């Protein structure tokens, strides 16, 4: 029988090789010109927790973790075209099954909302994988920036994971940052 649990994650962000951990879950947001969000029909990639290697079942929720911010949290560092850095406790869904890993979460930090997901198609347990990453930022000044299904390398652990990304938005601006998640339990 298929089981599914909501997962929360803690995330620490890596920017330029430096781990940024936020104290007190504070963030800063700076403005720039807005980019359109992906079309309504677009799908978002995601990342999930480990499952049995031979499983072909529907993705199942992963066990919780105690990442940088604890179970069910994100640590976010967006460095371009706006600056957003901080930690947020939020539901982080992590699922795996049929060699797929899917993670997704949304967090609000100092008036900005970051929605992100990661999808791994060849998942076989904790490790480093090529993935597709989708990130959407609604800045405090209502400017939107988004990238959809961007190739990136993710690190997945038993309890969460991390990803660094940099890609051009539809308006040609570079959306760059890092996200660390800890799956909800």
N, C-alpha and C. Protein backbone atom coordinates (compact mmCIF):
# COMPACT_ATOMS: atom_id res chain seq x y z
N UNK A 1 0.84 -1.18 0.00
CA UNK A 1 0.00 0.00 0.00
C UNK A 1 0.88 1.23 0.00
N UNK A 2 0.50 2.20 -0.75
CA UNK A 2 1.25 3.45 -0.88
C UNK A 2 1.02 4.33 0.34
N UNK A 3 2.09 4.81 0.93
CA UNK A 3 1.99 5.73 2.05
C UNK A 3 2.53 7.06 1.60
N UNK A 4 1.92 8.14 2.12
CA UNK A 4 2.42 9.46 1.77
C UNK A 4 2.38 10.34 3.00
N UNK A 5 3.46 11.05 3.25
CA UNK A 5 3.56 11.96 4.38
C UNK A 5 4.03 13.30 3.87
N UNK A 6 3.56 14.35 4.51
CA UNK A 6 4.11 15.67 4.19
C UNK A 6 5.45 15.78 4.89
N UNK A 7 6.38 16.45 4.26
CA UNK A 7 7.71 16.52 4.80
C UNK A 7 8.14 17.97 4.91
N UNK A 8 8.76 18.31 6.02
CA UNK A 8 9.32 19.64 6.22
C UNK A 8 10.82 19.54 6.14
N UNK A 9 11.48 20.63 5.73
CA UNK A 9 12.92 20.53 5.57
C UNK A 9 13.62 21.78 6.05
N UNK A 10 14.86 21.61 6.50
CA UNK A 10 15.73 22.72 6.86
C UNK A 10 16.71 22.91 5.74
N UNK A 11 16.96 24.16 5.37
CA UNK A 11 17.82 24.40 4.24
C UNK A 11 18.89 25.42 4.59
N UNK A 12 20.10 25.16 4.18
CA UNK A 12 21.19 26.12 4.29
C UNK A 12 21.62 26.42 2.88
N UNK A 13 22.00 27.62 2.61
CA UNK A 13 22.30 27.99 1.24
C UNK A 13 23.79 28.17 1.03
N UNK A 14 24.25 27.72 -0.11
CA UNK A 14 25.64 27.86 -0.48
C UNK A 14 25.73 28.92 -1.56
N UNK A 15 26.52 29.94 -1.33
CA UNK A 15 26.72 30.98 -2.33
C UNK A 15 28.21 31.13 -2.55
N UNK A 16 28.65 30.90 -3.76
CA UNK A 16 30.07 31.02 -4.07
C UNK A 16 30.94 30.13 -3.20
N UNK A 17 30.44 28.95 -2.85
CA UNK A 17 31.21 28.03 -2.05
C UNK A 17 31.15 28.32 -0.56
N UNK A 18 30.43 29.34 -0.15
CA UNK A 18 30.32 29.71 1.25
C UNK A 18 28.96 29.32 1.77
N UNK A 19 28.91 28.58 2.85
CA UNK A 19 27.64 28.19 3.45
C UNK A 19 27.09 29.37 4.22
N UNK A 20 25.88 29.77 3.87
CA UNK A 20 25.22 30.87 4.56
C UNK A 20 24.13 30.30 5.42
N UNK A 21 24.22 30.47 6.70
CA UNK A 21 23.18 30.04 7.61
C UNK A 21 22.58 31.28 8.23
N UNK A 22 21.27 31.34 8.28
CA UNK A 22 20.66 32.55 8.79
C UNK A 22 20.31 32.39 10.25
N UNK A 23 20.66 33.38 11.03
CA UNK A 23 20.30 33.40 12.45
C UNK A 23 19.02 34.18 12.59
N UNK A 24 18.09 33.66 13.31
CA UNK A 24 16.84 34.37 13.54
C UNK A 24 15.94 34.40 12.33
N UNK A 25 16.22 33.62 11.32
CA UNK A 25 15.39 33.53 10.12
C UNK A 25 15.11 34.89 9.51
N UNK A 26 16.11 35.75 9.39
CA UNK A 26 15.92 37.05 8.78
C UNK A 26 16.34 37.01 7.33
N UNK A 27 15.81 37.93 6.54
CA UNK A 27 16.18 37.99 5.13
C UNK A 27 16.14 39.41 4.64
N UNK A 28 16.82 39.64 3.51
CA UNK A 28 16.79 40.93 2.86
C UNK A 28 16.30 40.72 1.45
N UNK A 29 15.56 41.70 0.95
CA UNK A 29 15.06 41.61 -0.41
C UNK A 29 15.41 42.90 -1.12
N UNK A 30 15.97 42.80 -2.31
CA UNK A 30 16.26 43.97 -3.13
C UNK A 30 15.49 43.85 -4.43
N UNK A 31 15.17 44.93 -5.08
CA UNK A 31 14.32 44.89 -6.27
C UNK A 31 15.09 44.96 -7.57
N UNK A 32 14.42 44.60 -8.63
CA UNK A 32 14.92 44.68 -10.00
C UNK A 32 13.73 44.50 -10.92
N UNK A 33 13.96 44.51 -12.23
CA UNK A 33 12.83 44.35 -13.13
C UNK A 33 12.28 42.94 -13.05
N UNK A 34 10.99 42.83 -13.26
CA UNK A 34 10.30 41.55 -13.07
C UNK A 34 10.37 40.69 -14.31
N UNK A 35 10.34 39.40 -14.09
CA UNK A 35 10.27 38.41 -15.15
C UNK A 35 8.94 37.69 -15.03
N UNK A 36 8.36 37.23 -16.12
CA UNK A 36 7.11 36.50 -16.03
C UNK A 36 7.32 35.14 -15.39
N UNK A 37 6.28 34.64 -14.73
CA UNK A 37 6.32 33.30 -14.17
C UNK A 37 6.13 32.29 -15.29
N UNK A 38 6.52 31.04 -15.06
CA UNK A 38 6.29 30.02 -16.08
C UNK A 38 4.81 29.89 -16.39
N UNK A 39 4.50 29.43 -17.60
CA UNK A 39 3.10 29.29 -18.00
C UNK A 39 2.36 28.35 -17.07
N UNK A 40 1.04 28.53 -16.99
CA UNK A 40 0.22 27.75 -16.07
C UNK A 40 0.33 26.26 -16.33
N UNK A 41 0.62 25.87 -17.55
CA UNK A 41 0.70 24.45 -17.87
C UNK A 41 2.06 23.84 -17.57
N UNK A 42 3.03 24.66 -17.16
CA UNK A 42 4.37 24.15 -16.90
C UNK A 42 4.39 23.29 -15.65
N UNK A 43 5.23 22.28 -15.69
CA UNK A 43 5.35 21.42 -14.51
C UNK A 43 6.60 21.81 -13.75
N UNK A 44 6.60 21.58 -12.48
CA UNK A 44 7.73 21.92 -11.63
C UNK A 44 8.47 20.67 -11.21
N UNK A 45 9.77 20.64 -11.39
CA UNK A 45 10.57 19.52 -10.92
C UNK A 45 10.64 19.54 -9.40
N UNK A 46 10.98 18.40 -8.81
CA UNK A 46 11.09 18.34 -7.36
C UNK A 46 12.06 17.26 -6.94
N UNK A 47 12.44 17.24 -5.65
CA UNK A 47 13.35 16.24 -5.12
C UNK A 47 12.74 15.56 -3.92
N UNK A 48 13.00 14.28 -3.72
CA UNK A 48 12.41 13.54 -2.61
C UNK A 48 13.44 12.72 -1.88
N UNK A 49 12.99 11.94 -0.92
CA UNK A 49 13.90 11.15 -0.11
C UNK A 49 14.09 9.76 -0.67
N UNK A 50 15.06 9.04 -0.14
CA UNK A 50 15.39 7.73 -0.69
C UNK A 50 14.30 6.68 -0.56
N UNK A 51 14.27 5.78 -1.51
CA UNK A 51 13.34 4.65 -1.49
C UNK A 51 14.14 3.41 -1.87
N UNK A 52 13.49 2.28 -1.86
CA UNK A 52 14.21 1.07 -2.23
C UNK A 52 14.63 1.15 -3.70
N UNK A 53 15.81 0.67 -3.99
CA UNK A 53 16.39 0.81 -5.32
C UNK A 53 15.56 0.19 -6.41
N UNK A 54 14.88 -0.91 -6.16
CA UNK A 54 14.12 -1.58 -7.19
C UNK A 54 12.66 -1.17 -7.23
N UNK A 55 12.27 -0.22 -6.46
CA UNK A 55 10.86 0.16 -6.35
C UNK A 55 10.35 0.80 -7.64
N UNK A 56 9.15 0.41 -8.05
CA UNK A 56 8.50 1.05 -9.20
C UNK A 56 7.19 1.66 -8.75
N UNK A 57 6.99 1.75 -7.46
CA UNK A 57 5.75 2.29 -6.90
C UNK A 57 5.70 3.80 -7.06
N UNK A 58 4.53 4.33 -6.83
CA UNK A 58 4.34 5.77 -6.82
C UNK A 58 5.24 6.36 -5.76
N UNK A 59 5.76 7.60 -5.96
CA UNK A 59 6.65 8.19 -4.97
C UNK A 59 6.04 8.18 -3.57
N UNK A 60 6.87 7.87 -2.59
CA UNK A 60 6.43 7.87 -1.20
C UNK A 60 7.19 8.95 -0.45
N UNK A 61 6.60 9.44 0.62
CA UNK A 61 7.23 10.49 1.41
C UNK A 61 8.47 9.95 2.10
N UNK A 62 9.44 10.81 2.24
CA UNK A 62 10.68 10.44 2.91
C UNK A 62 10.58 10.77 4.39
N UNK A 63 11.49 10.18 5.15
CA UNK A 63 11.51 10.49 6.56
C UNK A 63 12.07 11.88 6.79
N UNK A 64 11.70 12.48 7.92
CA UNK A 64 12.13 13.84 8.24
C UNK A 64 13.60 13.92 8.55
N UNK A 65 14.12 15.15 8.55
CA UNK A 65 15.53 15.36 8.82
C UNK A 65 15.74 16.54 9.73
N UNK A 66 16.94 16.71 10.18
CA UNK A 66 17.27 17.80 11.09
C UNK A 66 18.30 18.72 10.47
N UNK A 67 18.07 19.12 9.22
CA UNK A 67 19.01 19.97 8.50
C UNK A 67 19.29 21.25 9.24
N UNK A 68 19.89 22.21 8.56
CA UNK A 68 20.31 23.46 9.17
C UNK A 68 19.21 24.08 10.02
N UNK A 69 17.98 24.08 9.53
CA UNK A 69 16.89 24.70 10.27
C UNK A 69 16.02 23.69 10.98
N UNK A 70 16.31 22.44 10.91
CA UNK A 70 15.50 21.42 11.56
C UNK A 70 14.46 20.87 10.61
N UNK A 71 13.77 19.85 11.07
CA UNK A 71 12.76 19.17 10.26
C UNK A 71 11.74 20.20 9.77
N UNK A 72 11.45 20.15 8.48
CA UNK A 72 10.46 21.03 7.88
C UNK A 72 10.92 22.47 7.78
N UNK A 73 12.02 22.69 7.08
CA UNK A 73 12.51 24.05 6.92
C UNK A 73 13.38 24.20 5.68
N UNK A 74 13.55 25.44 5.25
CA UNK A 74 14.38 25.79 4.11
C UNK A 74 15.37 26.86 4.54
N UNK A 75 16.56 26.80 4.02
CA UNK A 75 17.50 27.91 4.12
C UNK A 75 17.74 28.36 2.69
N UNK A 76 17.49 29.61 2.44
CA UNK A 76 17.47 30.13 1.08
C UNK A 76 18.48 31.26 0.95
N UNK A 77 19.21 31.27 -0.16
CA UNK A 77 20.11 32.37 -0.49
C UNK A 77 19.98 32.65 -1.99
N UNK A 78 19.25 33.69 -2.32
CA UNK A 78 19.15 34.15 -3.71
C UNK A 78 20.09 35.35 -3.81
N UNK A 79 21.00 35.32 -4.79
CA UNK A 79 21.99 36.39 -4.91
C UNK A 79 21.78 37.27 -6.13
N UNK A 80 20.94 36.84 -7.08
CA UNK A 80 20.68 37.64 -8.27
C UNK A 80 19.34 37.23 -8.86
N UNK A 81 18.53 38.11 -9.35
CA UNK A 81 18.68 39.56 -9.49
C UNK A 81 18.25 40.33 -8.24
N UNK A 82 17.76 39.63 -7.24
CA UNK A 82 17.45 40.24 -5.94
C UNK A 82 18.26 39.50 -4.89
N UNK A 83 18.34 40.05 -3.70
CA UNK A 83 19.04 39.39 -2.61
C UNK A 83 18.02 38.97 -1.57
N UNK A 84 17.96 37.66 -1.34
CA UNK A 84 17.07 37.09 -0.34
C UNK A 84 17.88 36.04 0.40
N UNK A 85 17.98 36.17 1.71
CA UNK A 85 18.73 35.19 2.48
C UNK A 85 18.03 34.97 3.80
N UNK A 86 17.83 33.72 4.15
CA UNK A 86 17.23 33.44 5.44
C UNK A 86 16.77 32.01 5.56
N UNK A 87 16.12 31.78 6.66
CA UNK A 87 15.62 30.46 7.02
C UNK A 87 14.13 30.57 7.28
N UNK A 88 13.39 29.54 6.89
CA UNK A 88 11.95 29.53 7.14
C UNK A 88 11.51 28.10 7.48
N UNK A 89 10.68 27.97 8.51
CA UNK A 89 10.04 26.70 8.81
C UNK A 89 8.83 26.58 7.91
N UNK A 90 8.74 25.51 7.16
CA UNK A 90 7.65 25.33 6.21
C UNK A 90 7.53 23.85 5.86
N UNK A 91 6.42 23.45 5.31
CA UNK A 91 6.26 22.06 4.87
C UNK A 91 7.15 21.83 3.65
N UNK A 92 7.95 20.77 3.72
CA UNK A 92 8.81 20.39 2.61
C UNK A 92 8.46 18.96 2.24
N UNK A 93 7.91 18.80 1.05
CA UNK A 93 7.50 17.48 0.58
C UNK A 93 8.67 16.80 -0.11
N UNK A 94 8.99 15.59 0.35
CA UNK A 94 10.05 14.80 -0.26
C UNK A 94 9.47 13.42 -0.56
N UNK A 95 9.55 13.02 -1.81
CA UNK A 95 8.98 11.73 -2.22
C UNK A 95 9.97 11.01 -3.13
N UNK A 96 9.94 9.69 -3.05
CA UNK A 96 10.73 8.91 -3.99
C UNK A 96 10.00 7.61 -4.30
N UNK A 97 10.34 7.05 -5.41
CA UNK A 97 9.76 5.80 -5.85
C UNK A 97 9.97 5.65 -7.34
N UNK A 98 10.06 4.44 -7.80
CA UNK A 98 10.27 4.20 -9.23
C UNK A 98 11.49 4.92 -9.77
N UNK A 99 12.56 4.99 -8.95
CA UNK A 99 13.82 5.66 -9.31
C UNK A 99 13.67 7.16 -9.50
N UNK A 100 12.60 7.74 -8.96
CA UNK A 100 12.43 9.20 -9.02
C UNK A 100 12.49 9.78 -7.62
N UNK A 101 13.01 11.00 -7.52
CA UNK A 101 13.04 11.73 -6.25
C UNK A 101 12.45 13.11 -6.55
N UNK A 102 11.50 13.52 -5.74
CA UNK A 102 10.83 14.80 -5.95
C UNK A 102 10.74 15.54 -4.63
N UNK A 103 11.21 16.79 -4.62
CA UNK A 103 11.13 17.66 -3.45
C UNK A 103 10.48 18.96 -3.87
N UNK A 104 9.63 19.51 -3.00
CA UNK A 104 9.05 20.81 -3.29
C UNK A 104 8.65 21.51 -2.00
N UNK A 105 8.74 22.84 -2.02
CA UNK A 105 8.39 23.64 -0.85
C UNK A 105 8.21 25.09 -1.27
N UNK A 106 7.50 25.82 -0.43
CA UNK A 106 7.32 27.26 -0.58
C UNK A 106 7.60 27.90 0.76
N UNK A 107 8.35 28.99 0.76
CA UNK A 107 8.65 29.69 2.01
C UNK A 107 8.61 31.18 1.82
N UNK A 108 8.15 31.90 2.85
CA UNK A 108 8.10 33.37 2.84
C UNK A 108 9.18 33.89 3.77
N UNK A 109 10.01 34.79 3.24
CA UNK A 109 11.11 35.37 4.01
C UNK A 109 11.09 36.88 3.80
N UNK A 110 10.85 37.63 4.88
CA UNK A 110 10.85 39.10 4.84
C UNK A 110 10.06 39.66 3.67
N UNK A 111 8.87 39.16 3.47
CA UNK A 111 7.99 39.68 2.44
C UNK A 111 8.17 39.05 1.07
N UNK A 112 9.20 38.26 0.86
CA UNK A 112 9.41 37.58 -0.43
C UNK A 112 8.92 36.14 -0.29
N UNK A 113 8.38 35.60 -1.38
CA UNK A 113 7.95 34.21 -1.38
C UNK A 113 8.77 33.45 -2.42
N UNK A 114 9.39 32.35 -1.97
CA UNK A 114 10.20 31.51 -2.85
C UNK A 114 9.52 30.15 -2.94
N UNK A 115 9.21 29.74 -4.16
CA UNK A 115 8.65 28.42 -4.42
C UNK A 115 9.69 27.66 -5.23
N UNK A 116 10.01 26.44 -4.80
CA UNK A 116 11.05 25.69 -5.50
C UNK A 116 10.73 24.22 -5.51
N UNK A 117 11.31 23.54 -6.50
CA UNK A 117 11.16 22.09 -6.59
C UNK A 117 12.37 21.51 -7.31
N UNK A 118 12.61 20.23 -7.04
CA UNK A 118 13.72 19.50 -7.64
C UNK A 118 13.21 18.14 -8.07
N UNK A 119 13.65 17.67 -9.26
CA UNK A 119 13.25 16.35 -9.75
C UNK A 119 14.50 15.60 -10.22
N UNK A 120 14.65 14.39 -9.68
CA UNK A 120 15.75 13.50 -10.08
C UNK A 120 15.11 12.28 -10.73
N UNK A 121 15.54 11.93 -11.95
CA UNK A 121 14.94 10.82 -12.69
C UNK A 121 15.66 9.49 -12.48
N UNK A 122 16.86 9.50 -11.93
CA UNK A 122 17.65 8.27 -11.79
C UNK A 122 18.01 7.99 -10.33
N UNK A 123 17.13 8.29 -9.42
CA UNK A 123 17.42 8.21 -7.98
C UNK A 123 17.63 6.78 -7.50
N UNK A 124 18.70 6.58 -6.71
CA UNK A 124 19.00 5.26 -6.14
C UNK A 124 19.46 5.37 -4.70
N UNK A 125 19.11 6.43 -4.00
CA UNK A 125 19.53 6.62 -2.61
C UNK A 125 20.37 7.88 -2.48
N UNK A 126 20.74 8.22 -1.24
CA UNK A 126 21.52 9.43 -1.00
C UNK A 126 22.75 9.52 -1.90
N UNK A 127 23.04 10.75 -2.37
CA UNK A 127 24.19 10.97 -3.23
C UNK A 127 24.02 12.22 -4.05
N UNK A 128 24.87 12.36 -5.04
CA UNK A 128 24.86 13.50 -5.96
C UNK A 128 24.20 13.08 -7.26
N UNK A 129 23.28 13.91 -7.77
CA UNK A 129 22.53 13.56 -8.98
C UNK A 129 22.33 14.76 -9.89
N UNK A 130 22.24 14.52 -11.21
CA UNK A 130 21.75 15.56 -12.11
C UNK A 130 20.25 15.69 -11.86
N UNK A 131 19.75 16.91 -11.88
CA UNK A 131 18.34 17.15 -11.58
C UNK A 131 17.82 18.30 -12.41
N UNK A 132 16.51 18.46 -12.39
CA UNK A 132 15.86 19.63 -12.97
C UNK A 132 15.29 20.43 -11.81
N UNK A 133 15.60 21.72 -11.80
CA UNK A 133 15.23 22.59 -10.70
C UNK A 133 14.32 23.71 -11.22
N UNK A 134 13.25 23.98 -10.48
CA UNK A 134 12.36 25.09 -10.79
C UNK A 134 12.34 26.01 -9.57
N UNK A 135 12.54 27.30 -9.80
CA UNK A 135 12.53 28.28 -8.72
C UNK A 135 11.72 29.49 -9.18
N UNK A 136 10.83 29.95 -8.31
CA UNK A 136 10.04 31.15 -8.57
C UNK A 136 10.15 32.06 -7.35
N UNK A 137 10.45 33.33 -7.60
CA UNK A 137 10.59 34.30 -6.52
C UNK A 137 9.58 35.42 -6.75
N UNK A 138 8.75 35.68 -5.76
CA UNK A 138 7.89 36.86 -5.75
C UNK A 138 8.48 37.77 -4.69
N UNK A 139 9.19 38.81 -5.13
CA UNK A 139 9.88 39.71 -4.22
C UNK A 139 8.88 40.57 -3.45
N UNK A 140 9.34 41.18 -2.37
CA UNK A 140 8.49 42.00 -1.52
C UNK A 140 7.85 43.15 -2.30
N UNK A 141 8.51 43.63 -3.36
CA UNK A 141 7.96 44.72 -4.17
C UNK A 141 7.09 44.20 -5.32
N UNK A 142 6.66 42.94 -5.26
CA UNK A 142 5.80 42.27 -6.24
C UNK A 142 6.47 41.96 -7.56
N UNK A 143 7.79 42.11 -7.67
CA UNK A 143 8.51 41.71 -8.87
C UNK A 143 8.65 40.19 -8.86
N UNK A 144 8.49 39.57 -10.03
CA UNK A 144 8.58 38.11 -10.15
C UNK A 144 9.77 37.71 -11.00
N UNK A 145 10.43 36.62 -10.54
CA UNK A 145 11.57 36.05 -11.25
C UNK A 145 11.38 34.54 -11.21
N UNK A 146 11.59 33.86 -12.34
CA UNK A 146 11.36 32.41 -12.35
C UNK A 146 12.22 31.72 -13.39
N UNK A 147 12.64 30.51 -13.05
CA UNK A 147 13.29 29.61 -13.99
C UNK A 147 12.59 28.27 -13.85
N UNK A 148 12.45 27.55 -14.96
CA UNK A 148 11.70 26.30 -14.97
C UNK A 148 12.53 25.17 -15.56
N UNK A 149 12.63 24.06 -14.86
CA UNK A 149 13.31 22.85 -15.32
C UNK A 149 14.75 23.12 -15.74
N UNK A 150 15.50 23.80 -14.88
CA UNK A 150 16.89 24.13 -15.13
C UNK A 150 17.78 22.96 -14.69
N UNK A 151 18.69 22.50 -15.53
CA UNK A 151 19.60 21.43 -15.12
C UNK A 151 20.54 21.91 -14.01
N UNK A 152 20.71 21.09 -12.99
CA UNK A 152 21.60 21.40 -11.87
C UNK A 152 22.02 20.09 -11.22
N UNK A 153 23.06 20.14 -10.40
CA UNK A 153 23.48 18.98 -9.64
C UNK A 153 22.98 19.16 -8.21
N UNK A 154 22.31 18.15 -7.66
CA UNK A 154 21.81 18.21 -6.29
C UNK A 154 22.53 17.19 -5.43
N UNK A 155 22.61 17.49 -4.14
CA UNK A 155 23.14 16.57 -3.14
C UNK A 155 21.95 16.14 -2.31
N UNK A 156 21.68 14.85 -2.24
CA UNK A 156 20.54 14.34 -1.48
C UNK A 156 21.07 13.48 -0.33
N UNK A 157 20.52 13.72 0.86
CA UNK A 157 20.88 12.95 2.04
C UNK A 157 19.67 12.14 2.48
N UNK A 158 19.79 11.41 3.56
CA UNK A 158 18.66 10.66 4.11
C UNK A 158 17.55 11.60 4.58
N UNK A 159 17.88 12.85 4.92
CA UNK A 159 16.91 13.75 5.54
C UNK A 159 16.60 15.01 4.75
N UNK A 160 17.26 15.23 3.62
CA UNK A 160 17.02 16.45 2.86
C UNK A 160 17.98 16.55 1.69
N UNK A 161 18.46 17.77 1.44
CA UNK A 161 19.38 17.95 0.34
C UNK A 161 19.73 19.41 0.12
N UNK A 162 20.49 19.66 -0.96
CA UNK A 162 20.88 21.01 -1.30
C UNK A 162 21.11 21.12 -2.80
N UNK A 163 20.97 22.36 -3.29
CA UNK A 163 21.18 22.62 -4.70
C UNK A 163 21.65 24.06 -4.89
N UNK A 164 22.58 24.25 -5.81
CA UNK A 164 23.00 25.57 -6.28
C UNK A 164 22.46 25.70 -7.69
N UNK A 165 21.99 26.88 -8.08
CA UNK A 165 21.44 27.06 -9.42
C UNK A 165 21.77 28.44 -9.96
N UNK A 166 21.80 28.55 -11.27
CA UNK A 166 21.97 29.81 -11.96
C UNK A 166 21.47 29.61 -13.38
N UNK A 167 20.46 30.39 -13.75
CA UNK A 167 19.88 30.27 -15.09
C UNK A 167 19.21 31.58 -15.47
N UNK A 168 19.04 31.79 -16.77
CA UNK A 168 18.37 32.98 -17.26
C UNK A 168 16.87 32.82 -17.17
N UNK A 169 16.19 33.86 -16.72
CA UNK A 169 14.73 33.88 -16.69
C UNK A 169 14.22 34.18 -18.10
N UNK A 170 12.92 34.14 -18.30
CA UNK A 170 12.33 34.42 -19.60
C UNK A 170 12.68 35.84 -20.08
N UNK A 171 12.90 36.76 -19.14
CA UNK A 171 13.26 38.14 -19.49
C UNK A 171 14.77 38.31 -19.65
N UNK A 172 15.53 37.21 -19.54
CA UNK A 172 16.96 37.27 -19.77
C UNK A 172 17.80 37.63 -18.55
N UNK A 173 17.20 37.80 -17.39
CA UNK A 173 17.95 38.09 -16.17
C UNK A 173 18.43 36.78 -15.56
N UNK A 174 19.54 36.81 -14.86
CA UNK A 174 20.08 35.61 -14.22
C UNK A 174 19.47 35.45 -12.83
N UNK A 175 18.82 34.30 -12.59
CA UNK A 175 18.32 33.96 -11.25
C UNK A 175 19.34 32.98 -10.67
N UNK A 176 20.01 33.40 -9.60
CA UNK A 176 21.12 32.64 -9.03
C UNK A 176 20.93 32.49 -7.53
N UNK A 177 21.24 31.32 -7.02
CA UNK A 177 21.17 31.12 -5.58
C UNK A 177 21.39 29.69 -5.17
N UNK A 178 21.08 29.41 -3.92
CA UNK A 178 21.23 28.09 -3.33
C UNK A 178 20.08 27.83 -2.39
N UNK A 179 19.69 26.59 -2.28
CA UNK A 179 18.62 26.19 -1.36
C UNK A 179 19.03 24.90 -0.69
N UNK A 180 18.82 24.83 0.61
CA UNK A 180 19.02 23.61 1.37
C UNK A 180 17.70 23.28 2.04
N UNK A 181 17.29 22.03 1.96
CA UNK A 181 16.02 21.62 2.55
C UNK A 181 16.21 20.47 3.52
N UNK A 182 15.31 20.41 4.49
CA UNK A 182 15.21 19.27 5.39
C UNK A 182 13.76 18.81 5.34
N UNK A 183 13.54 17.59 4.93
CA UNK A 183 12.21 17.07 4.71
C UNK A 183 11.36 17.09 5.97
N UNK A 184 10.08 17.39 5.82
CA UNK A 184 9.13 17.36 6.93
C UNK A 184 8.91 15.91 7.36
N UNK A 185 8.44 15.71 8.56
CA UNK A 185 8.17 14.35 8.99
C UNK A 185 6.70 14.15 9.19
